[in-house]
Amino acid sequence: MWISTRLFLASIVLTLVIGVALGVYSAARQYRFQDRVITSYSYLAYIVPAPIAYFLVQLGAININETVGERIFFVTGISTPGMQPGWAQFVDMVAHYAVPTIAITLVGWGSYQIAQRQYLLDNVNADFVRTARAKGSPGTRPSPGTPSGFPSSRSRKASPSLSRPSSPAASSPRRSSPGPEWGPGALTPSRCRM
């Protein structure tokens, strides 16, 4: 039981960290080359059956061992028999856990990356974000001394195009005749200028 717990604990932590980080990275570079490569791999890892993916990772580890000429990755067993407790046993256990942890992580982070990318893109393009940008929100960099994500009022600069006029006459300087600014008679042909 503890063997599976240690194995899945390490792989789940790596899967979450890598998947969320790559999801944020690819969302920040939407439709660029990096986004396409990462998202394509994620979809591929998502649709390939897990036993086939694990087998391919195991074959890759065997090929690396044969290329180097010595055993770097262990593809069977959980530990070397006869190891003395201590640092050597810990290093041996890490060497045995490497291939299954890598296999589970490589197959698992794709779904987290796809989900994180989609959640971020949905929020970046949400109505409330567009409204804040249209009203002159300073963007993503908060001022020093403000909590992260909350811009201070000092950092906002009033844009001349967004400032309110001081009087009704200032809002429509081309108006030729007095009359209702809003209402049924506001858009009659005599009141509209081209």
N, C-alpha and C. Protein backbone atom coordinates (compact mmCIF):
# COMPACT_ATOMS: atom_id res chain seq x y z
N MET A 1 0.82 -1.19 0.00
CA MET A 1 0.00 0.00 0.00
C MET A 1 0.86 1.26 0.00
N TRP A 2 1.89 1.31 0.83
CA TRP A 2 2.72 2.52 0.91
C TRP A 2 3.51 2.75 -0.36
N ILE A 3 3.79 1.69 -1.10
CA ILE A 3 4.51 1.84 -2.37
C ILE A 3 3.66 2.65 -3.35
N SER A 4 2.39 2.27 -3.49
CA SER A 4 1.50 2.99 -4.40
C SER A 4 1.24 4.41 -3.91
N THR A 5 1.12 4.59 -2.61
CA THR A 5 0.88 5.92 -2.05
C THR A 5 2.05 6.85 -2.36
N ARG A 6 3.28 6.39 -2.13
CA ARG A 6 4.45 7.22 -2.42
C ARG A 6 4.54 7.52 -3.91
N LEU A 7 4.28 6.51 -4.73
CA LEU A 7 4.36 6.69 -6.17
C LEU A 7 3.33 7.72 -6.67
N PHE A 8 2.09 7.56 -6.26
CA PHE A 8 1.05 8.46 -6.75
C PHE A 8 1.12 9.84 -6.10
N LEU A 9 1.60 9.94 -4.88
CA LEU A 9 1.75 11.25 -4.26
C LEU A 9 2.75 12.10 -5.04
N ALA A 10 3.89 11.52 -5.38
CA ALA A 10 4.90 12.25 -6.16
C ALA A 10 4.37 12.60 -7.54
N SER A 11 3.72 11.66 -8.20
CA SER A 11 3.25 11.93 -9.56
C SER A 11 2.09 12.91 -9.59
N ILE A 12 1.21 12.90 -8.60
CA ILE A 12 0.09 13.84 -8.58
C ILE A 12 0.59 15.26 -8.33
N VAL A 13 1.55 15.42 -7.44
CA VAL A 13 2.10 16.76 -7.20
C VAL A 13 2.77 17.28 -8.47
N LEU A 14 3.57 16.46 -9.12
CA LEU A 14 4.23 16.88 -10.36
C LEU A 14 3.21 17.16 -11.47
N THR A 15 2.20 16.32 -11.56
CA THR A 15 1.17 16.50 -12.59
C THR A 15 0.44 17.83 -12.41
N LEU A 16 0.05 18.14 -11.19
CA LEU A 16 -0.65 19.40 -10.94
C LEU A 16 0.23 20.61 -11.20
N VAL A 17 1.46 20.57 -10.70
CA VAL A 17 2.36 21.72 -10.86
C VAL A 17 2.69 21.95 -12.34
N ILE A 18 3.06 20.89 -13.04
CA ILE A 18 3.42 21.03 -14.46
C ILE A 18 2.20 21.40 -15.30
N GLY A 19 1.07 20.74 -15.06
CA GLY A 19 -0.13 21.01 -15.84
C GLY A 19 -0.65 22.43 -15.69
N VAL A 20 -0.71 22.92 -14.45
CA VAL A 20 -1.19 24.29 -14.23
C VAL A 20 -0.20 25.30 -14.78
N ALA A 21 1.10 25.08 -14.56
CA ALA A 21 2.11 26.02 -15.06
C ALA A 21 2.09 26.09 -16.58
N LEU A 22 2.01 24.95 -17.24
CA LEU A 22 1.96 24.97 -18.71
C LEU A 22 0.64 25.52 -19.24
N GLY A 23 -0.45 25.33 -18.48
CA GLY A 23 -1.72 25.92 -18.88
C GLY A 23 -1.67 27.44 -18.85
N VAL A 24 -1.06 28.00 -17.80
CA VAL A 24 -0.91 29.45 -17.71
C VAL A 24 0.03 29.95 -18.81
N TYR A 25 1.12 29.24 -19.01
CA TYR A 25 2.10 29.64 -20.04
C TYR A 25 1.46 29.64 -21.43
N SER A 26 0.72 28.58 -21.75
CA SER A 26 0.13 28.51 -23.09
C SER A 26 -1.03 29.49 -23.26
N ALA A 27 -1.76 29.78 -22.19
CA ALA A 27 -2.84 30.77 -22.29
C ALA A 27 -2.27 32.17 -22.51
N ALA A 28 -1.13 32.45 -21.90
CA ALA A 28 -0.50 33.76 -22.09
C ALA A 28 0.05 33.92 -23.50
N ARG A 29 0.29 32.82 -24.19
CA ARG A 29 0.81 32.86 -25.56
C ARG A 29 -0.19 32.21 -26.51
N GLN A 30 -1.44 32.61 -26.39
CA GLN A 30 -2.52 32.01 -27.17
C GLN A 30 -2.24 32.10 -28.67
N TYR A 31 -2.39 30.96 -29.34
CA TYR A 31 -2.24 30.77 -30.79
C TYR A 31 -0.81 30.95 -31.28
N ARG A 32 0.15 31.06 -30.42
CA ARG A 32 1.54 31.12 -30.86
C ARG A 32 2.08 29.70 -30.96
N PHE A 33 3.31 29.58 -31.44
CA PHE A 33 3.92 28.28 -31.66
C PHE A 33 3.98 27.46 -30.37
N GLN A 34 4.40 28.09 -29.25
CA GLN A 34 4.52 27.38 -27.98
C GLN A 34 3.17 26.84 -27.52
N ASP A 35 2.13 27.64 -27.68
CA ASP A 35 0.79 27.22 -27.29
C ASP A 35 0.34 26.02 -28.12
N ARG A 36 0.60 26.07 -29.39
CA ARG A 36 0.17 24.98 -30.27
C ARG A 36 0.90 23.67 -29.96
N VAL A 37 2.21 23.76 -29.67
CA VAL A 37 2.98 22.55 -29.36
C VAL A 37 2.51 21.94 -28.03
N ILE A 38 2.41 22.78 -27.01
CA ILE A 38 2.02 22.27 -25.69
C ILE A 38 0.60 21.71 -25.70
N THR A 39 -0.32 22.43 -26.32
CA THR A 39 -1.71 21.97 -26.35
C THR A 39 -1.87 20.73 -27.22
N SER A 40 -1.12 20.65 -28.31
CA SER A 40 -1.19 19.44 -29.15
C SER A 40 -0.69 18.22 -28.39
N TYR A 41 0.43 18.38 -27.66
CA TYR A 41 0.92 17.26 -26.84
C TYR A 41 -0.11 16.88 -25.79
N SER A 42 -0.75 17.86 -25.18
CA SER A 42 -1.73 17.58 -24.14
C SER A 42 -2.91 16.78 -24.69
N TYR A 43 -3.39 17.17 -25.87
CA TYR A 43 -4.49 16.40 -26.47
C TYR A 43 -4.04 15.00 -26.85
N LEU A 44 -2.81 14.88 -27.35
CA LEU A 44 -2.30 13.55 -27.69
C LEU A 44 -2.18 12.68 -26.45
N ALA A 45 -1.63 13.23 -25.36
CA ALA A 45 -1.50 12.47 -24.13
C ALA A 45 -2.86 12.13 -23.54
N TYR A 46 -3.83 12.99 -23.80
CA TYR A 46 -5.17 12.79 -23.27
C TYR A 46 -5.90 11.64 -23.97
N ILE A 47 -5.63 11.45 -25.28
CA ILE A 47 -6.38 10.43 -26.02
C ILE A 47 -5.66 9.08 -26.12
N VAL A 48 -4.33 9.06 -25.87
CA VAL A 48 -3.61 7.79 -25.92
C VAL A 48 -3.96 6.98 -24.68
N PRO A 49 -4.30 5.72 -24.82
CA PRO A 49 -4.60 4.89 -23.64
C PRO A 49 -3.39 4.80 -22.71
N ALA A 50 -3.64 4.86 -21.42
CA ALA A 50 -2.57 4.89 -20.42
C ALA A 50 -1.62 3.70 -20.51
N PRO A 51 -2.09 2.46 -20.67
CA PRO A 51 -1.13 1.35 -20.74
C PRO A 51 -0.16 1.47 -21.92
N ILE A 52 -0.64 2.00 -23.04
CA ILE A 52 0.26 2.17 -24.20
C ILE A 52 1.28 3.26 -23.90
N ALA A 53 0.85 4.35 -23.29
CA ALA A 53 1.78 5.42 -22.95
C ALA A 53 2.82 4.95 -21.93
N TYR A 54 2.39 4.18 -20.93
CA TYR A 54 3.34 3.66 -19.93
C TYR A 54 4.35 2.73 -20.58
N PHE A 55 3.87 1.91 -21.51
CA PHE A 55 4.76 1.00 -22.22
C PHE A 55 5.79 1.76 -23.04
N LEU A 56 5.37 2.85 -23.70
CA LEU A 56 6.30 3.65 -24.49
C LEU A 56 7.35 4.32 -23.61
N VAL A 57 6.96 4.78 -22.43
CA VAL A 57 7.93 5.38 -21.50
C VAL A 57 8.91 4.31 -21.02
N GLN A 58 8.42 3.13 -20.75
CA GLN A 58 9.29 2.03 -20.31
C GLN A 58 10.27 1.66 -21.42
N LEU A 59 9.82 1.60 -22.66
CA LEU A 59 10.73 1.32 -23.78
C LEU A 59 11.77 2.42 -23.93
N GLY A 60 11.36 3.67 -23.72
CA GLY A 60 12.31 4.78 -23.77
C GLY A 60 13.38 4.66 -22.71
N ALA A 61 13.00 4.27 -21.49
CA ALA A 61 13.98 4.09 -20.41
C ALA A 61 14.94 2.94 -20.73
N ILE A 62 14.43 1.87 -21.30
CA ILE A 62 15.30 0.74 -21.68
C ILE A 62 16.28 1.19 -22.77
N ASN A 63 15.80 1.95 -23.76
CA ASN A 63 16.69 2.44 -24.82
C ASN A 63 17.77 3.37 -24.28
N ILE A 64 17.42 4.21 -23.32
CA ILE A 64 18.43 5.09 -22.71
C ILE A 64 19.48 4.25 -21.98
N ASN A 65 19.03 3.24 -21.24
CA ASN A 65 19.99 2.36 -20.54
C ASN A 65 20.93 1.68 -21.53
N GLU A 66 20.39 1.19 -22.65
CA GLU A 66 21.23 0.51 -23.64
C GLU A 66 22.17 1.48 -24.34
N THR A 67 21.72 2.68 -24.60
CA THR A 67 22.56 3.68 -25.27
C THR A 67 23.73 4.09 -24.39
N VAL A 68 23.45 4.32 -23.11
CA VAL A 68 24.50 4.76 -22.18
C VAL A 68 25.43 3.59 -21.84
N GLY A 69 24.92 2.40 -21.80
CA GLY A 69 25.75 1.24 -21.49
C GLY A 69 25.69 0.83 -20.03
N GLU A 70 24.93 1.48 -19.24
CA GLU A 70 24.74 1.08 -17.84
C GLU A 70 23.30 1.36 -17.43
N ARG A 71 22.91 0.82 -16.29
CA ARG A 71 21.52 0.96 -15.85
C ARG A 71 21.35 2.28 -15.09
N ILE A 72 20.64 3.19 -15.71
CA ILE A 72 20.30 4.47 -15.07
C ILE A 72 18.87 4.39 -14.53
N PHE A 73 17.97 3.88 -15.37
CA PHE A 73 16.57 3.77 -15.01
C PHE A 73 16.22 2.31 -14.76
N PHE A 74 15.54 2.05 -13.65
CA PHE A 74 15.05 0.71 -13.35
C PHE A 74 13.62 0.62 -13.84
N VAL A 75 13.33 -0.40 -14.63
CA VAL A 75 11.98 -0.55 -15.17
C VAL A 75 11.18 -1.65 -14.48
N THR A 76 11.82 -2.37 -13.58
CA THR A 76 11.12 -3.41 -12.81
C THR A 76 11.54 -3.32 -11.35
N GLY A 77 10.70 -3.81 -10.49
CA GLY A 77 11.04 -3.87 -9.07
C GLY A 77 10.84 -2.54 -8.36
N ILE A 78 10.91 -2.62 -7.03
CA ILE A 78 10.75 -1.43 -6.21
C ILE A 78 12.03 -1.06 -5.50
N SER A 79 12.94 -2.01 -5.36
CA SER A 79 14.24 -1.73 -4.74
C SER A 79 15.19 -2.88 -5.07
N THR A 80 16.46 -2.59 -4.90
CA THR A 80 17.48 -3.62 -5.11
C THR A 80 17.58 -4.47 -3.85
N PRO A 81 17.51 -5.79 -3.98
CA PRO A 81 17.59 -6.65 -2.78
C PRO A 81 18.95 -6.50 -2.10
N GLY A 82 18.94 -6.54 -0.78
CA GLY A 82 20.17 -6.53 0.01
C GLY A 82 20.74 -5.14 0.27
N MET A 83 19.98 -4.07 -0.01
CA MET A 83 20.48 -2.71 0.26
C MET A 83 20.41 -2.42 1.75
N GLN A 84 21.46 -1.79 2.26
CA GLN A 84 21.49 -1.39 3.66
C GLN A 84 20.69 -0.11 3.85
N PRO A 85 19.97 0.02 4.96
CA PRO A 85 19.21 1.25 5.21
C PRO A 85 20.15 2.46 5.27
N GLY A 86 19.61 3.58 4.80
CA GLY A 86 20.40 4.81 4.81
C GLY A 86 20.30 5.53 3.48
N TRP A 87 21.31 6.34 3.19
CA TRP A 87 21.32 7.15 1.98
C TRP A 87 21.31 6.30 0.71
N ALA A 88 22.06 5.22 0.70
CA ALA A 88 22.13 4.35 -0.48
C ALA A 88 20.77 3.74 -0.79
N GLN A 89 20.03 3.37 0.24
CA GLN A 89 18.70 2.80 0.03
C GLN A 89 17.74 3.87 -0.53
N PHE A 90 17.85 5.10 -0.02
CA PHE A 90 17.01 6.18 -0.51
C PHE A 90 17.27 6.46 -1.99
N VAL A 91 18.54 6.54 -2.38
CA VAL A 91 18.90 6.79 -3.78
C VAL A 91 18.41 5.65 -4.66
N ASP A 92 18.51 4.42 -4.17
CA ASP A 92 18.03 3.26 -4.92
C ASP A 92 16.51 3.31 -5.09
N MET A 93 15.81 3.72 -4.04
CA MET A 93 14.35 3.82 -4.13
C MET A 93 13.94 4.91 -5.13
N VAL A 94 14.63 6.06 -5.13
CA VAL A 94 14.34 7.12 -6.09
C VAL A 94 14.59 6.64 -7.52
N ALA A 95 15.67 5.88 -7.73
CA ALA A 95 15.97 5.36 -9.06
C ALA A 95 14.89 4.39 -9.54
N HIS A 96 14.33 3.61 -8.63
CA HIS A 96 13.26 2.68 -9.01
C HIS A 96 11.93 3.40 -9.24
N TYR A 97 11.69 4.49 -8.53
CA TYR A 97 10.45 5.23 -8.68
C TYR A 97 10.45 6.17 -9.88
N ALA A 98 11.59 6.45 -10.46
CA ALA A 98 11.70 7.48 -11.51
C ALA A 98 10.84 7.17 -12.72
N VAL A 99 10.96 5.97 -13.29
CA VAL A 99 10.25 5.65 -14.53
C VAL A 99 8.73 5.65 -14.33
N PRO A 100 8.19 4.98 -13.30
CA PRO A 100 6.73 5.05 -13.16
C PRO A 100 6.21 6.45 -12.84
N THR A 101 6.98 7.22 -12.07
CA THR A 101 6.55 8.59 -11.77
C THR A 101 6.55 9.45 -13.02
N ILE A 102 7.58 9.33 -13.83
CA ILE A 102 7.65 10.08 -15.09
C ILE A 102 6.51 9.67 -16.02
N ALA A 103 6.23 8.37 -16.09
CA ALA A 103 5.16 7.88 -16.97
C ALA A 103 3.80 8.44 -16.55
N ILE A 104 3.49 8.38 -15.27
CA ILE A 104 2.19 8.87 -14.80
C ILE A 104 2.10 10.38 -14.98
N THR A 105 3.20 11.09 -14.74
CA THR A 105 3.20 12.55 -14.88
C THR A 105 3.03 12.97 -16.33
N LEU A 106 3.77 12.33 -17.25
CA LEU A 106 3.68 12.71 -18.67
C LEU A 106 2.30 12.46 -19.24
N VAL A 107 1.64 11.44 -18.76
CA VAL A 107 0.30 11.14 -19.27
C VAL A 107 -0.74 12.00 -18.58
N GLY A 108 -0.52 12.37 -17.32
CA GLY A 108 -1.55 13.03 -16.54
C GLY A 108 -1.66 14.53 -16.68
N TRP A 109 -0.55 15.24 -16.93
CA TRP A 109 -0.65 16.69 -16.89
C TRP A 109 -1.40 17.29 -18.07
N GLY A 110 -1.64 16.54 -19.12
CA GLY A 110 -2.35 17.07 -20.28
C GLY A 110 -3.73 17.59 -19.96
N SER A 111 -4.50 16.86 -19.17
CA SER A 111 -5.86 17.30 -18.85
C SER A 111 -5.84 18.55 -17.98
N TYR A 112 -4.88 18.64 -17.06
CA TYR A 112 -4.79 19.85 -16.23
C TYR A 112 -4.36 21.05 -17.06
N GLN A 113 -3.47 20.84 -18.01
CA GLN A 113 -3.02 21.94 -18.86
C GLN A 113 -4.17 22.46 -19.72
N ILE A 114 -4.94 21.56 -20.31
CA ILE A 114 -6.06 21.96 -21.16
C ILE A 114 -7.11 22.72 -20.33
N ALA A 115 -7.42 22.19 -19.16
CA ALA A 115 -8.43 22.84 -18.31
C ALA A 115 -7.96 24.21 -17.84
N GLN A 116 -6.72 24.31 -17.37
CA GLN A 116 -6.21 25.60 -16.88
C GLN A 116 -6.15 26.64 -18.00
N ARG A 117 -5.72 26.23 -19.17
CA ARG A 117 -5.67 27.14 -20.31
C ARG A 117 -7.07 27.67 -20.64
N GLN A 118 -8.05 26.77 -20.65
CA GLN A 118 -9.41 27.18 -20.98
C GLN A 118 -10.00 28.10 -19.92
N TYR A 119 -9.77 27.79 -18.63
CA TYR A 119 -10.30 28.64 -17.56
C TYR A 119 -9.70 30.04 -17.64
N LEU A 120 -8.41 30.12 -17.91
CA LEU A 120 -7.76 31.43 -18.01
C LEU A 120 -8.27 32.22 -19.20
N LEU A 121 -8.38 31.58 -20.35
CA LEU A 121 -8.86 32.29 -21.54
C LEU A 121 -10.31 32.72 -21.38
N ASP A 122 -11.12 31.91 -20.70
CA ASP A 122 -12.51 32.31 -20.44
C ASP A 122 -12.57 33.55 -19.57
N ASN A 123 -11.74 33.62 -18.54
CA ASN A 123 -11.76 34.77 -17.64
C ASN A 123 -11.15 36.00 -18.27
N VAL A 124 -10.10 35.84 -19.08
CA VAL A 124 -9.46 36.99 -19.72
C VAL A 124 -10.42 37.64 -20.71
N ASN A 125 -11.25 36.85 -21.37
CA ASN A 125 -12.19 37.38 -22.35
C ASN A 125 -13.59 37.59 -21.80
N ALA A 126 -13.72 37.55 -20.48
CA ALA A 126 -15.04 37.72 -19.86
C ALA A 126 -15.51 39.16 -19.97
N ASP A 127 -16.82 39.35 -19.83
CA ASP A 127 -17.41 40.68 -19.95
C ASP A 127 -16.87 41.65 -18.91
N PHE A 128 -16.69 41.18 -17.66
CA PHE A 128 -16.25 42.10 -16.63
C PHE A 128 -14.82 42.58 -16.87
N VAL A 129 -13.99 41.76 -17.51
CA VAL A 129 -12.62 42.19 -17.81
C VAL A 129 -12.63 43.21 -18.94
N ARG A 130 -13.42 42.97 -19.97
CA ARG A 130 -13.53 43.94 -21.07
C ARG A 130 -14.09 45.26 -20.58
N THR A 131 -15.06 45.20 -19.68
CA THR A 131 -15.62 46.44 -19.13
C THR A 131 -14.57 47.20 -18.33
N ALA A 132 -13.81 46.50 -17.53
CA ALA A 132 -12.76 47.16 -16.74
C ALA A 132 -11.71 47.80 -17.64
N ARG A 133 -11.34 47.11 -18.71
CA ARG A 133 -10.36 47.68 -19.64
C ARG A 133 -10.93 48.90 -20.36
N ALA A 134 -12.21 48.85 -20.72
CA ALA A 134 -12.83 49.98 -21.40
C ALA A 134 -12.94 51.20 -20.49
N LYS A 135 -13.06 50.96 -19.18
CA LYS A 135 -13.14 52.07 -18.24
C LYS A 135 -11.77 52.58 -17.83
N GLY A 136 -10.72 51.99 -18.36
CA GLY A 136 -9.39 52.50 -18.09
C GLY A 136 -8.65 51.79 -16.98
N SER A 137 -8.96 50.55 -16.73
CA SER A 137 -8.23 49.80 -15.72
C SER A 137 -6.76 49.74 -16.10
N PRO A 138 -5.87 49.91 -15.14
CA PRO A 138 -4.45 49.99 -15.48
C PRO A 138 -3.84 48.68 -15.95
N GLY A 139 -4.52 47.59 -15.87
CA GLY A 139 -3.98 46.33 -16.38
C GLY A 139 -3.63 45.36 -15.27
N THR A 140 -2.56 44.63 -15.47
CA THR A 140 -2.23 43.54 -14.57
C THR A 140 -1.16 43.88 -13.55
N ARG A 141 -0.55 45.06 -13.62
CA ARG A 141 0.53 45.39 -12.70
C ARG A 141 0.01 46.27 -11.56
N PRO A 142 -0.10 45.70 -10.33
CA PRO A 142 -0.56 46.52 -9.21
C PRO A 142 0.54 47.46 -8.73
N SER A 143 0.14 48.54 -8.10
CA SER A 143 1.10 49.48 -7.54
C SER A 143 1.75 48.89 -6.30
N PRO A 144 2.93 49.38 -5.93
CA PRO A 144 3.55 48.89 -4.69
C PRO A 144 2.66 49.21 -3.49
N GLY A 145 2.57 48.28 -2.60
CA GLY A 145 1.77 48.48 -1.39
C GLY A 145 0.33 48.05 -1.51
N THR A 146 -0.10 47.58 -2.67
CA THR A 146 -1.48 47.10 -2.82
C THR A 146 -1.45 45.59 -2.89
N PRO A 147 -2.53 44.95 -2.43
CA PRO A 147 -2.57 43.49 -2.54
C PRO A 147 -2.52 43.07 -4.01
N SER A 148 -1.99 41.90 -4.24
CA SER A 148 -1.82 41.41 -5.61
C SER A 148 -3.16 41.35 -6.33
N GLY A 149 -3.21 41.93 -7.53
CA GLY A 149 -4.41 41.88 -8.34
C GLY A 149 -5.36 43.04 -8.10
N PHE A 150 -5.09 43.91 -7.09
CA PHE A 150 -5.96 45.04 -6.81
C PHE A 150 -5.20 46.33 -7.08
N PRO A 151 -5.45 46.99 -8.20
CA PRO A 151 -4.73 48.23 -8.48
C PRO A 151 -5.20 49.34 -7.55
N SER A 152 -4.28 50.18 -7.18
CA SER A 152 -4.62 51.28 -6.29
C SER A 152 -5.23 52.42 -7.08
N SER A 153 -5.90 53.33 -6.38
CA SER A 153 -6.51 54.47 -7.05
C SER A 153 -5.43 55.44 -7.53
N ARG A 154 -4.24 55.41 -6.90
CA ARG A 154 -3.15 56.29 -7.34
C ARG A 154 -2.65 55.91 -8.72
N SER A 155 -2.73 54.63 -9.08
CA SER A 155 -2.18 54.19 -10.36
C SER A 155 -3.11 54.47 -11.52
N ARG A 156 -4.38 54.82 -11.26
CA ARG A 156 -5.31 55.10 -12.34
C ARG A 156 -5.11 56.52 -12.83
N LYS A 157 -4.99 56.67 -14.10
CA LYS A 157 -4.87 57.98 -14.71
C LYS A 157 -6.11 58.23 -15.53
N ALA A 158 -6.73 59.35 -15.30
CA ALA A 158 -7.96 59.67 -16.03
C ALA A 158 -7.62 59.96 -17.48
N SER A 159 -8.29 59.29 -18.34
CA SER A 159 -8.10 59.51 -19.76
C SER A 159 -9.01 60.64 -20.20
N PRO A 160 -8.53 61.55 -21.07
CA PRO A 160 -9.41 62.63 -21.50
C PRO A 160 -10.66 62.13 -22.20
N SER A 161 -10.57 61.03 -22.90
CA SER A 161 -11.74 60.53 -23.61
C SER A 161 -12.75 59.88 -22.68
N LEU A 162 -12.29 59.47 -21.48
CA LEU A 162 -13.19 58.81 -20.55
C LEU A 162 -13.70 59.74 -19.45
N SER A 163 -13.17 60.96 -19.38
CA SER A 163 -13.61 61.86 -18.32
C SER A 163 -14.98 62.43 -18.66
N ARG A 164 -15.76 62.71 -17.65
CA ARG A 164 -17.12 63.22 -17.85
C ARG A 164 -17.08 64.72 -18.09
N PRO A 165 -17.92 65.22 -18.96
CA PRO A 165 -17.96 66.66 -19.18
C PRO A 165 -18.55 67.36 -17.96
N SER A 166 -18.16 68.61 -17.77
CA SER A 166 -18.62 69.36 -16.60
C SER A 166 -20.03 69.89 -16.78
N SER A 167 -20.48 70.13 -18.00
CA SER A 167 -21.83 70.64 -18.21
C SER A 167 -22.45 69.95 -19.41
N PRO A 168 -23.79 69.99 -19.53
CA PRO A 168 -24.43 69.37 -20.68
C PRO A 168 -24.04 70.03 -21.99
N ALA A 169 -23.77 71.33 -21.97
CA ALA A 169 -23.39 72.01 -23.20
C ALA A 169 -22.03 71.54 -23.69
N ALA A 170 -21.16 71.17 -22.74
CA ALA A 170 -19.82 70.70 -23.13
C ALA A 170 -19.88 69.32 -23.76
N SER A 171 -20.93 68.55 -23.47
CA SER A 171 -21.01 67.20 -24.02
C SER A 171 -21.40 67.21 -25.48
N SER A 172 -22.09 68.22 -25.95
CA SER A 172 -22.49 68.27 -27.35
C SER A 172 -22.26 69.68 -27.89
N PRO A 173 -21.05 70.02 -28.25
CA PRO A 173 -20.76 71.38 -28.69
C PRO A 173 -21.37 71.72 -30.05
N ARG A 174 -21.76 70.76 -30.88
CA ARG A 174 -22.28 71.03 -32.22
C ARG A 174 -23.79 71.17 -32.24
N ARG A 175 -24.41 71.14 -31.13
CA ARG A 175 -25.86 71.19 -31.08
C ARG A 175 -26.36 72.55 -31.55
N SER A 176 -27.29 72.54 -32.46
CA SER A 176 -27.75 73.81 -33.02
C SER A 176 -28.99 74.35 -32.34
N SER A 177 -29.84 73.48 -31.85
CA SER A 177 -31.07 73.97 -31.23
C SER A 177 -31.30 73.26 -29.92
N PRO A 178 -31.93 73.94 -28.98
CA PRO A 178 -32.22 73.28 -27.71
C PRO A 178 -33.29 72.22 -27.91
N GLY A 179 -33.26 71.25 -27.07
CA GLY A 179 -34.25 70.19 -27.15
C GLY A 179 -33.84 69.04 -26.25
N PRO A 180 -34.65 68.00 -26.20
CA PRO A 180 -34.32 66.89 -25.31
C PRO A 180 -33.08 66.14 -25.83
N GLU A 181 -32.16 65.88 -24.90
CA GLU A 181 -30.98 65.10 -25.29
C GLU A 181 -31.33 63.63 -25.48
N TRP A 182 -32.28 63.13 -24.69
CA TRP A 182 -32.68 61.74 -24.76
C TRP A 182 -34.19 61.71 -24.87
N GLY A 183 -34.70 60.69 -25.46
CA GLY A 183 -36.14 60.54 -25.55
C GLY A 183 -36.58 60.36 -26.98
N PRO A 184 -37.90 60.42 -27.23
CA PRO A 184 -38.41 60.14 -28.57
C PRO A 184 -37.95 61.13 -29.63
N GLY A 185 -37.75 62.41 -29.27
CA GLY A 185 -37.37 63.38 -30.26
C GLY A 185 -35.87 63.56 -30.39
N ALA A 186 -35.07 62.76 -29.71
CA ALA A 186 -33.62 62.96 -29.67
C ALA A 186 -32.96 62.59 -31.00
N LEU A 187 -33.49 61.64 -31.72
CA LEU A 187 -32.82 61.17 -32.94
C LEU A 187 -33.61 61.51 -34.20
N THR A 188 -34.28 62.64 -34.20
CA THR A 188 -34.96 63.06 -35.42
C THR A 188 -33.93 63.56 -36.42
N PRO A 189 -34.25 63.55 -37.71
CA PRO A 189 -33.26 63.95 -38.73
C PRO A 189 -32.72 65.36 -38.50
N SER A 190 -33.52 66.29 -37.93
CA SER A 190 -33.02 67.65 -37.73
C SER A 190 -31.97 67.69 -36.61
N ARG A 191 -31.98 66.71 -35.74
CA ARG A 191 -31.04 66.72 -34.62
C ARG A 191 -29.79 65.89 -34.90
N CYS A 192 -29.78 65.07 -35.92
CA CYS A 192 -28.63 64.24 -36.22
C CYS A 192 -27.75 64.91 -37.25
N ARG A 193 -26.48 64.93 -37.02
CA ARG A 193 -25.53 65.49 -37.99
C ARG A 193 -24.65 64.37 -38.50
N MET A 194 -24.30 64.46 -39.72
CA MET A 194 -23.42 63.46 -40.33
C MET A 194 -22.04 63.99 -40.45
